[in-house]
Protein backbone atom coordinates (compact mmCIF):
# COMPACT_ATOMS: atom_id res chain seq x y z
CA MET A 1 0.60 -3.03 19.99
CA MET A 2 1.78 -2.54 16.48
CA SER A 3 -1.05 -4.67 15.06
CA LYS A 4 -3.54 -2.82 17.24
CA SER A 5 -2.26 0.48 15.96
CA LYS A 6 -2.52 -0.62 12.35
CA TYR A 7 -6.09 -1.76 13.01
CA LEU A 8 -7.03 1.61 14.50
CA ILE A 9 -5.45 3.54 11.67
CA ALA A 10 -7.28 1.34 9.14
CA LEU A 11 -10.55 1.95 10.97
CA PHE A 12 -9.99 5.67 11.16
CA ALA A 13 -9.15 5.79 7.49
CA SER A 14 -12.33 3.87 6.60
CA LEU A 15 -14.40 6.26 8.74
CA PHE A 16 -12.75 9.26 7.18
CA LEU A 17 -13.48 7.94 3.65
CA LEU A 18 -17.10 7.25 4.74
CA LEU A 19 -17.39 10.83 6.05
CA LEU A 20 -15.83 12.13 2.77
CA GLY A 21 -18.34 10.15 0.79
CA ILE A 22 -21.31 11.49 2.84
CA GLN A 23 -20.04 15.11 2.43
CA VAL A 24 -19.69 14.62 -1.38
CA TYR A 25 -23.18 13.07 -1.55
CA PHE A 26 -24.62 15.89 0.52
CA MET A 27 -22.97 18.58 -1.69
CA TYR A 28 -24.18 16.85 -4.81
CA LYS A 29 -27.75 16.72 -3.54
CA THR A 30 -27.59 20.35 -2.38
CA TYR A 31 -26.29 21.27 -5.84
CA GLN A 32 -29.27 19.53 -7.52
CA VAL A 33 -31.74 21.24 -5.19
CA LYS A 34 -30.19 24.69 -5.83
CA GLU A 35 -30.21 24.12 -9.56
CA ARG A 36 -33.90 23.16 -9.59
CA GLU A 37 -34.71 26.20 -7.52
CA ILE A 38 -32.94 28.54 -9.92
CA TYR A 39 -34.65 26.99 -12.92
CA ARG A 40 -38.06 27.29 -11.25
CA THR A 41 -37.47 31.00 -10.61
CA VAL A 42 -36.39 31.56 -14.26
CA HIS A 43 -39.21 29.51 -15.58
CA SER A 44 -41.92 31.35 -13.68
CA ARG A 45 -40.54 34.80 -14.81
CA LEU A 46 -40.19 33.87 -18.49
CA THR A 47 -43.14 31.69 -19.11
CA ASN A 48 -45.73 34.55 -19.14
CA TYR A 49 -43.56 36.64 -21.42
CA THR A 50 -42.92 33.83 -23.98
CA ASP A 51 -46.62 33.02 -24.02
CA ARG A 52 -47.48 36.64 -24.82
CA LEU A 53 -44.74 36.71 -27.42
CA GLU A 54 -46.06 33.54 -29.00
CA ASP A 55 -49.61 34.99 -29.01
CA LEU A 56 -48.33 38.15 -30.68
CA GLY A 57 -46.15 36.48 -33.22
CA GLY A 58 -47.86 33.13 -33.60
CA MET A 59 -51.29 32.13 -34.79
CA LYS A 60 -53.31 31.84 -31.50
CA SER A 61 -54.51 35.51 -31.46
CA ARG A 62 -53.48 37.01 -34.75
CA THR A 63 -56.01 39.43 -36.25
CA ASP A 64 -54.85 38.75 -39.80
CA ASP A 65 -54.85 35.49 -41.71
CA THR A 66 -51.14 35.56 -42.72
CA ILE A 67 -50.04 32.33 -40.91
CA GLN A 68 -53.36 30.58 -41.65
CA LYS A 69 -52.93 31.40 -45.28
CA ILE A 70 -49.33 30.19 -45.27
CA LEU A 71 -50.42 26.89 -43.76
CA ILE A 72 -53.28 26.42 -46.27
CA GLN A 73 -51.04 27.38 -49.16
CA TYR A 74 -48.37 24.97 -48.00
CA HIS A 75 -50.99 22.18 -47.56
CA ASP A 76 -52.37 22.85 -51.07
CA LYS A 77 -48.78 22.89 -52.36
CA LYS A 78 -49.12 26.40 -53.67
CA ILE A 79 -45.86 27.41 -52.03
CA SER A 80 -42.69 25.34 -51.70
CA LYS A 81 -41.23 23.95 -48.52
CA LYS A 82 -38.37 26.37 -48.85
CA ASP A 83 -40.79 29.37 -48.95
CA PHE A 84 -42.71 27.93 -46.03
CA LEU A 85 -39.62 27.57 -43.80
CA GLU A 86 -38.28 30.99 -44.95
CA TYR A 87 -41.36 32.65 -43.54
CA PHE A 88 -40.63 31.27 -40.02
CA LYS A 89 -36.93 32.09 -40.43
CA ARG A 90 -37.79 35.80 -41.09
CA ASN A 91 -40.25 35.78 -38.15
CA ARG A 92 -37.50 34.39 -35.85
CA LYS A 93 -34.93 36.95 -36.88
CA ASP A 94 -37.42 39.82 -36.50
CA ASN A 95 -38.09 38.85 -32.86
CA GLU A 96 -34.63 37.61 -31.77
CA LYS A 97 -33.27 40.98 -30.64
CA HIS A 98 -36.40 41.88 -28.68
CA LEU A 99 -36.49 38.54 -26.91
CA SER A 100 -32.80 38.51 -26.19
CA ASP A 101 -32.79 42.04 -24.77
CA TYR A 102 -35.73 41.31 -22.55
CA VAL A 103 -34.23 38.12 -21.17
CA ASP A 104 -30.77 39.58 -20.59
CA ALA A 105 -32.29 42.69 -18.89
CA SER A 106 -34.61 40.58 -16.66
CA PHE A 107 -31.72 38.59 -15.19
CA LYS A 108 -28.87 41.03 -15.40
CA LYS A 109 -28.79 41.50 -11.62
CA GLU A 110 -28.60 37.77 -10.95
CA GLY A 111 -25.92 37.35 -13.65
CA TYR A 112 -27.79 34.53 -15.37
CA LYS A 113 -26.88 33.75 -18.94
CA ILE A 114 -30.17 32.39 -20.26
CA ALA A 115 -31.02 30.75 -23.58
CA THR A 116 -34.61 30.10 -24.64
CA LYS A 117 -36.35 28.75 -27.73
CA THR A 118 -39.96 28.33 -28.82
CA GLU A 119 -40.68 25.89 -31.65
CA TYR A 120 -43.56 24.20 -33.41
CA ILE A 121 -43.05 20.48 -33.01
CA SER A 122 -46.23 19.41 -34.92
CA ILE A 123 -48.71 20.96 -37.33
CA ILE A 124 -51.57 18.69 -38.46
CA TYR A 125 -54.23 19.56 -41.03
CA ILE A 126 -57.31 18.09 -39.27
CA PRO A 127 -59.60 17.37 -42.27
CA ASP A 128 -57.30 14.80 -43.83
CA SER A 129 -54.75 14.35 -40.82
CA THR A 130 -51.84 15.53 -42.90
CA HIS A 131 -48.61 16.28 -41.03
CA LEU A 132 -47.18 19.49 -42.55
CA ILE A 133 -43.78 19.28 -40.86
CA ASP A 134 -41.53 16.37 -40.19
CA GLN A 135 -39.22 18.19 -37.84
CA PRO A 136 -39.58 21.07 -35.37
CA ILE A 137 -39.66 24.66 -36.71
CA THR A 138 -38.13 27.31 -34.50
CA LEU A 139 -40.47 30.28 -33.93
CA TYR A 140 -38.42 32.32 -31.51
CA GLU A 141 -34.89 32.01 -30.16
CA THR A 142 -32.46 34.13 -28.19
CA ARG A 143 -28.89 35.02 -29.33
CA ASN A 144 -27.73 32.49 -26.73
CA LYS A 145 -28.59 29.11 -28.25
CA VAL A 146 -30.20 26.25 -26.35
CA THR A 147 -27.97 23.15 -26.51
CA ASN A 148 -29.60 20.97 -23.76
CA SER A 149 -33.01 22.23 -22.55
CA LYS A 150 -33.24 21.68 -18.70
CA ILE A 151 -36.96 22.72 -18.48
CA SER A 152 -39.67 23.16 -21.06
CA ASN A 153 -43.35 23.99 -21.57
CA THR A 154 -45.51 22.28 -24.13
CA GLY A 155 -48.78 23.59 -25.57
CA LYS A 156 -51.43 22.44 -28.00
CA TRP A 157 -54.23 24.34 -29.63
CA GLU A 158 -56.47 24.21 -32.62
CA THR A 159 -57.01 27.02 -35.17
CA SER A 160 -59.54 27.03 -37.99
CA SER A 161 -60.98 29.23 -40.73
CA LYS A 162 -63.73 29.09 -43.31
CA SER A 163 -63.62 30.11 -46.90
CA THR A 164 -65.91 29.91 -49.93
CA THR A 165 -64.68 28.27 -53.16
CA THR A 166 -64.98 30.32 -56.36
CA ASP A 167 -66.04 27.28 -58.38
CA ASP A 168 -69.23 26.10 -56.65
CA ASN A 169 -69.47 28.57 -53.80
CA SER A 170 -69.19 25.71 -51.26
CA VAL A 171 -67.77 26.43 -47.79
CA ARG A 172 -64.32 25.05 -46.93
CA ASN A 173 -63.37 24.48 -43.38
CA ASP A 174 -59.54 24.57 -42.82
CA SER A 175 -58.53 23.45 -39.31
CA PHE A 176 -55.05 22.89 -37.94
CA LEU A 177 -53.83 21.25 -34.68
CA VAL A 178 -50.61 22.88 -33.53
CA LYS A 179 -48.25 21.65 -30.80
CA SER A 180 -45.47 23.93 -29.47
CA ASN A 181 -42.64 23.63 -27.02
CA THR A 182 -40.67 26.34 -25.18
CA GLY A 183 -37.32 25.33 -23.67
CA PHE A 184 -35.00 27.12 -21.27
CA GLU A 185 -31.36 26.66 -20.41
CA ILE A 186 -29.07 28.59 -18.03
CA LEU A 187 -25.69 28.38 -19.74
CA ASN A 188 -23.67 29.38 -16.64
CA ILE A 189 -25.72 27.39 -14.09
CA LYS A 190 -22.68 25.53 -12.69
CA THR A 191 -20.83 28.73 -12.02
CA ILE A 192 -23.90 30.31 -10.37
CA VAL A 193 -24.63 27.27 -8.13
CA PHE A 194 -21.03 26.91 -7.05
CA LYS A 195 -20.81 30.60 -6.33
CA GLU A 196 -23.97 30.46 -4.17
CA LEU A 197 -22.70 27.32 -2.37
CA SER A 198 -19.16 28.60 -1.93
CA LEU A 199 -19.54 29.25 1.79
CA LEU A 200 -21.03 25.78 2.42
CA THR A 201 -18.31 24.20 0.29
CA ILE A 202 -15.53 26.07 2.26
CA CYS A 203 -17.13 24.91 5.61
CA CYS A 204 -17.28 21.34 4.44
CA ILE A 205 -13.63 21.38 3.25
CA ALA A 206 -12.60 23.01 6.54
CA ILE A 207 -14.32 20.30 8.58
CA LEU A 208 -12.72 17.50 6.50
CA ALA A 209 -9.31 19.19 6.69
CA SER A 210 -9.60 19.52 10.45
CA VAL A 211 -10.49 15.86 10.83
CA LEU A 212 -7.59 14.88 8.52
CA LEU A 213 -5.12 17.07 10.48
CA LEU A 214 -6.38 15.60 13.74
CA TYR A 215 -5.92 12.15 12.27
CA ILE A 216 -2.35 12.93 11.12
CA PHE A 217 -1.48 14.43 14.53
CA THR A 218 -2.89 11.32 16.26
CA VAL A 219 -0.89 8.97 14.06
CA LYS A 220 2.32 10.93 14.55
CA ASN A 221 1.83 11.07 18.29
CA LEU A 222 1.07 7.34 18.33
CA ALA A 223 4.14 6.60 16.32
CA ARG A 224 6.31 8.74 18.58
CA GLN A 225 4.99 7.04 21.71
CA GLN A 226 5.43 3.60 20.13
CA LYS A 227 9.03 4.49 19.28
CA GLN A 228 9.62 5.52 22.87
CA VAL A 229 8.19 2.21 24.06
CA GLU A 230 10.43 0.31 21.69
CA VAL A 231 13.46 2.24 22.92
CA LEU A 232 12.51 1.46 26.52
CA HIS A 233 12.08 -2.23 25.71
CA THR A 234 15.50 -2.24 24.01
CA VAL A 235 17.14 -0.70 27.09
CA VAL A 236 15.37 -3.13 29.42
CA ASP A 237 16.32 -6.15 27.22
CA ASN A 238 19.90 -4.94 27.07
CA ILE A 239 20.21 -4.42 30.81
CA SER A 240 18.47 -7.61 31.70
CA HIS A 241 20.70 -9.63 29.44
CA GLU A 242 23.87 -8.02 30.65
CA PHE A 243 22.94 -8.37 34.33
CA LYS A 244 22.91 -12.16 33.97
CA THR A 245 26.64 -12.73 33.58
CA PRO A 246 27.94 -10.62 36.53
CA ILE A 247 25.22 -11.89 38.78
CA ALA A 248 26.07 -15.50 37.93
CA THR A 249 29.83 -14.78 38.46
CA LEU A 250 29.15 -13.13 41.80
CA LYS A 251 27.11 -16.11 42.95
CA ILE A 252 29.89 -18.54 42.11
CA ALA A 253 32.44 -16.21 43.74
CA SER A 254 30.31 -16.05 46.85
CA LYS A 255 30.07 -19.84 47.08
CA THR A 256 33.88 -20.12 46.51
CA LEU A 257 34.64 -17.74 49.35
CA LYS A 258 32.36 -19.68 51.62
CA LYS A 259 34.31 -22.85 50.98
CA GLU A 260 37.88 -21.45 51.03
CA TRP A 261 39.76 -18.15 50.82
CA ASN A 262 41.18 -17.36 47.38
CA PRO A 263 42.93 -13.98 46.74
CA GLU A 264 42.07 -14.13 43.03
CA THR A 265 38.36 -14.06 43.76
CA LEU A 266 38.35 -10.51 45.14
CA PRO A 267 39.55 -8.78 41.86
CA LEU A 268 36.97 -10.85 39.98
CA ILE A 269 34.25 -9.57 42.35
CA ASP A 270 35.53 -6.03 41.85
CA ARG A 271 35.33 -6.33 38.10
CA GLN A 272 31.78 -7.69 38.26
CA ILE A 273 30.74 -4.94 40.56
CA ASN A 274 32.22 -2.37 38.16
CA ARG A 275 30.29 -4.01 35.31
CA LEU A 276 27.09 -3.78 37.28
CA GLU A 277 27.78 -0.14 37.98
CA ASN A 278 28.28 0.51 34.28
CA LEU A 279 24.96 -1.16 33.57
CA MET A 280 23.21 1.05 36.16
CA LEU A 281 24.82 4.11 34.69
CA GLN A 282 23.30 3.25 31.27
CA LEU A 283 19.87 3.97 32.85
CA HIS A 284 21.05 7.47 33.85
CA LYS A 285 23.05 8.59 30.80
CA ASP A 286 21.89 12.22 31.23
CA GLU A 287 23.48 12.35 34.71
CA THR A 288 26.90 10.92 33.69
CA SER A 289 29.76 12.17 31.65
CA GLU A 290 30.53 11.01 28.08
CA GLU A 291 34.02 9.86 29.01
CA ILE A 292 34.85 6.38 27.61
CA LEU A 293 37.17 3.99 29.49
CA SER A 294 39.63 2.72 26.97
CA ILE A 295 40.63 -0.92 27.06
CA GLN A 296 44.00 -1.91 28.44
CA PRO A 297 46.01 -4.93 27.20
CA GLU A 298 45.44 -6.90 30.44
CA ASN A 299 41.66 -6.33 30.28
CA TRP A 300 41.31 -9.04 27.53
CA THR A 301 42.86 -11.53 29.99
CA PHE A 302 40.51 -10.45 32.73
CA PHE A 303 37.52 -11.02 30.47
CA VAL A 304 38.51 -14.67 29.79
CA GLN A 305 39.45 -15.23 33.46
CA ASP A 306 35.91 -14.21 34.47
CA LEU A 307 34.46 -16.59 31.91
CA ALA A 308 36.66 -19.42 33.15
CA PHE A 309 35.57 -18.80 36.72
CA THR A 310 31.88 -18.62 35.80
CA TYR A 311 31.98 -21.70 33.54
CA PRO A 312 34.54 -24.07 35.16
CA GLN A 313 33.39 -26.99 33.10
CA THR A 314 34.53 -25.24 29.90
CA HIS A 315 38.15 -24.78 28.94
CA PHE A 316 38.94 -21.32 27.61
CA ASP A 317 42.29 -20.89 25.70
CA LEU A 318 43.30 -17.25 25.23
CA SER A 319 45.98 -16.01 22.90
CA ASN A 320 46.36 -12.27 23.68
CA GLN A 321 48.88 -10.57 21.45
CA VAL A 322 47.70 -6.98 22.24
CA SER A 323 50.30 -4.91 23.99
CA GLU A 324 48.95 -1.44 23.84
CA GLU A 325 45.88 0.54 24.94
CA LEU A 326 43.21 0.55 22.25
CA PRO A 327 40.57 3.32 21.67
CA PHE A 328 37.56 1.07 22.33
CA ASP A 329 35.02 1.19 25.07
CA GLN A 330 36.12 -1.40 27.65
CA TYR A 331 32.51 -2.23 28.56
CA LEU A 332 31.54 -2.88 24.92
CA MET A 333 34.57 -5.01 24.24
CA GLU A 334 33.81 -7.05 27.37
CA THR A 335 30.20 -7.48 26.16
CA LEU A 336 31.42 -8.61 22.72
CA ILE A 337 33.87 -11.26 24.02
CA LYS A 338 31.61 -12.67 26.73
CA ASN A 339 28.45 -12.81 24.59
CA ILE A 340 30.16 -14.87 21.94
CA CYS A 341 31.87 -17.20 24.49
CA GLU A 342 28.71 -17.63 26.56
CA ASN A 343 26.81 -18.49 23.36
CA SER A 344 29.38 -21.18 22.71
CA VAL A 345 28.91 -22.59 26.23
CA LYS A 346 25.15 -22.57 25.84
CA TYR A 347 25.36 -24.71 22.72
CA GLY A 348 27.59 -27.44 24.16
CA ALA A 349 31.15 -26.25 23.65
CA SER A 350 33.74 -27.69 26.06
CA ASP A 351 36.72 -25.99 24.45
CA VAL A 352 36.66 -22.34 23.35
CA LYS A 353 39.73 -20.67 21.79
CA ILE A 354 40.14 -16.89 21.69
CA ASN A 355 42.70 -15.23 19.58
CA ILE A 356 43.19 -11.44 19.88
CA ASN A 357 45.84 -9.35 18.05
CA ASN A 358 46.22 -5.90 16.51
CA SER A 359 48.31 -4.76 13.58
CA LEU A 360 48.09 -1.94 11.02
CA GLN A 361 45.50 -0.09 13.21
CA THR A 362 43.18 -3.07 13.05
CA LEU A 363 41.85 -5.16 15.87
CA LYS A 364 41.27 -8.84 14.99
CA ILE A 365 39.33 -11.19 17.23
CA GLU A 366 38.80 -14.87 16.41
CA ILE A 367 36.71 -17.08 18.67
CA SER A 368 36.19 -20.73 17.80
CA ASP A 369 34.56 -23.60 19.69
CA ASN A 370 33.76 -27.28 19.41
CA GLY A 371 30.04 -27.00 20.12
CA CYS A 372 27.11 -28.38 18.15
CA GLY A 373 27.56 -25.92 15.33
CA ILE A 374 25.02 -23.93 13.34
CA GLU A 375 23.17 -25.09 10.25
CA LYS A 376 23.72 -23.05 7.12
CA LYS A 377 20.09 -21.90 6.92
CA GLU A 378 20.32 -20.39 10.47
CA LEU A 379 23.54 -18.38 9.82
CA ASP A 380 21.66 -15.53 8.09
CA HIS A 381 19.45 -14.99 11.14
CA ILE A 382 21.66 -15.44 14.19
CA PHE A 383 22.25 -11.65 14.60
CA GLU A 384 18.57 -10.78 14.49
CA LYS A 385 16.99 -9.47 17.66
CA PHE A 386 15.33 -12.12 19.79
CA TYR A 387 16.33 -14.87 17.30
CA ARG A 388 17.19 -18.16 18.82
CA ILE A 389 18.31 -21.31 17.09
CA GLN A 390 15.63 -23.98 17.16
CA SER A 391 15.78 -27.74 17.03
CA ASN A 392 12.54 -29.41 15.93
CA ASN A 393 10.79 -26.01 16.55
CA ILE A 394 11.80 -26.21 20.30
CA HIS A 395 14.30 -23.88 22.02
CA ASN A 396 16.74 -26.18 23.83
CA THR A 397 18.69 -23.39 25.61
CA LYS A 398 17.59 -20.58 27.78
CA GLY A 399 18.09 -16.97 26.78
CA LEU A 400 16.45 -13.93 25.18
CA GLY A 401 18.10 -14.13 21.84
CA LEU A 402 19.92 -10.85 22.35
CA GLY A 403 23.62 -11.83 22.77
CA LEU A 404 24.72 -11.96 19.19
CA TYR A 405 22.36 -9.06 18.39
CA PHE A 406 24.36 -6.88 20.68
CA VAL A 407 27.62 -8.30 19.23
CA LYS A 408 26.53 -7.15 15.78
CA LYS A 409 25.54 -3.71 17.02
CA ILE A 410 28.93 -3.17 18.70
CA VAL A 411 30.86 -4.28 15.57
CA THR A 412 28.68 -1.98 13.43
CA LYS A 413 29.22 0.94 15.86
CA TYR A 414 32.99 0.76 15.22
CA ARG A 415 32.46 0.21 11.43
CA GLY A 416 33.92 -3.31 11.67
CA THR A 417 32.98 -6.63 10.02
CA ILE A 418 32.05 -10.00 11.48
CA GLU A 419 32.19 -13.37 9.68
CA VAL A 420 30.78 -16.67 10.87
CA SER A 421 31.63 -20.12 9.66
CA SER A 422 30.15 -23.26 11.13
CA ARG A 423 29.62 -26.97 10.58
CA PRO A 424 26.96 -28.92 12.48
CA GLN A 425 28.53 -31.12 15.18
CA SER A 426 31.94 -29.59 14.42
CA GLY A 427 31.88 -26.10 16.03
CA THR A 428 31.60 -22.48 15.07
CA THR A 429 34.18 -19.74 14.33
CA PHE A 430 33.57 -15.96 14.66
CA LYS A 431 36.05 -13.60 12.93
CA ILE A 432 35.82 -9.95 13.85
CA THR A 433 37.80 -7.10 12.28
CA ILE A 434 37.54 -3.54 13.65
CA PRO A 435 39.60 -0.66 12.29
CA TYR A 436 40.80 2.16 14.66
CA GLU A 437 42.97 5.27 14.80
CA ASN A 438 45.52 6.15 17.44
């Protein structure tokens, strides 16, 4: 289930990133369309005006010969390049205020900050194909300067004049081919477009945020359900493991009673029934009290007697030096002792020694056996959940791999320590130390 959940989360994350990419692409294209639309509007409203201004200040419809004469003089080298450029500079300054005021007034309502510029990019004297300029000459420009023209108009026309020379009264034909370019730029175009697309942007962000919140809620809900399933599995594993020993003991007790009457069998049956009742109560913790049954000195002996009865082929040697009631849960201590001893029996021990004593408010339990032992590489893993020692990658003993896992949990619950030493074919020793307060 965990791998499936990870797969679904990865799939959802990929789809969300795809949706995010589509939204970003959609917003980018919408931005471009809106930008072009605004530029087309500005272009159509300014083109006619700039053409009229160029006609009035340029050379296409001038009634006087001022510019024509300037061009002829410059071609004939009667004026310097500096004087030639100075003429256009003065013309530009004279018209800058008028052009800027008109543009600002025309788009004040929309809030557009517009820069425009008209320039001559080429002037050619047709009779001898001489290029009079080597770089554009600005004819008109607004106070706001064009830095990167987004849209422009180009024009080309020919102007000519005839004059009579004073030397031989011959007619001179002076013709010029002029190319011009008018460029526009909206300096605050990004602010304008984002302002007009603000509602759409908010809607897109709201949709993405809703999807993301739904995704987070789903993942949290899935994690919570998965945790509940893991808790349920842990409880079931615990109960199923702990049911095995009392059931096995009761079976043997039943067989013994069928063969012959033995007064010692009845207390054993009572203890196993109590243990089964405790296991059942674990499934209904909300309906039971939190009272803990402390362990009595004789309980340690009963634990080992039950083991000896259940596993008659194994010799259990108990040294019980506890003479007082201890503040530990009787059920947990029984689980601890029996899980370790049963583990020894499973792995071939015929002799198990249990030494229990308490001193200086510390409970010490030592359990050693003569079983097959544990290899050093396995010792770091024996307390892991569901871990079972393998031989040639095959499990030679039956079990769930939970016995020592529960032992470790019990010792940790009481803030104790557990040490394991073992040698293959020589046996294993568990040393447990648990502090307590009276």
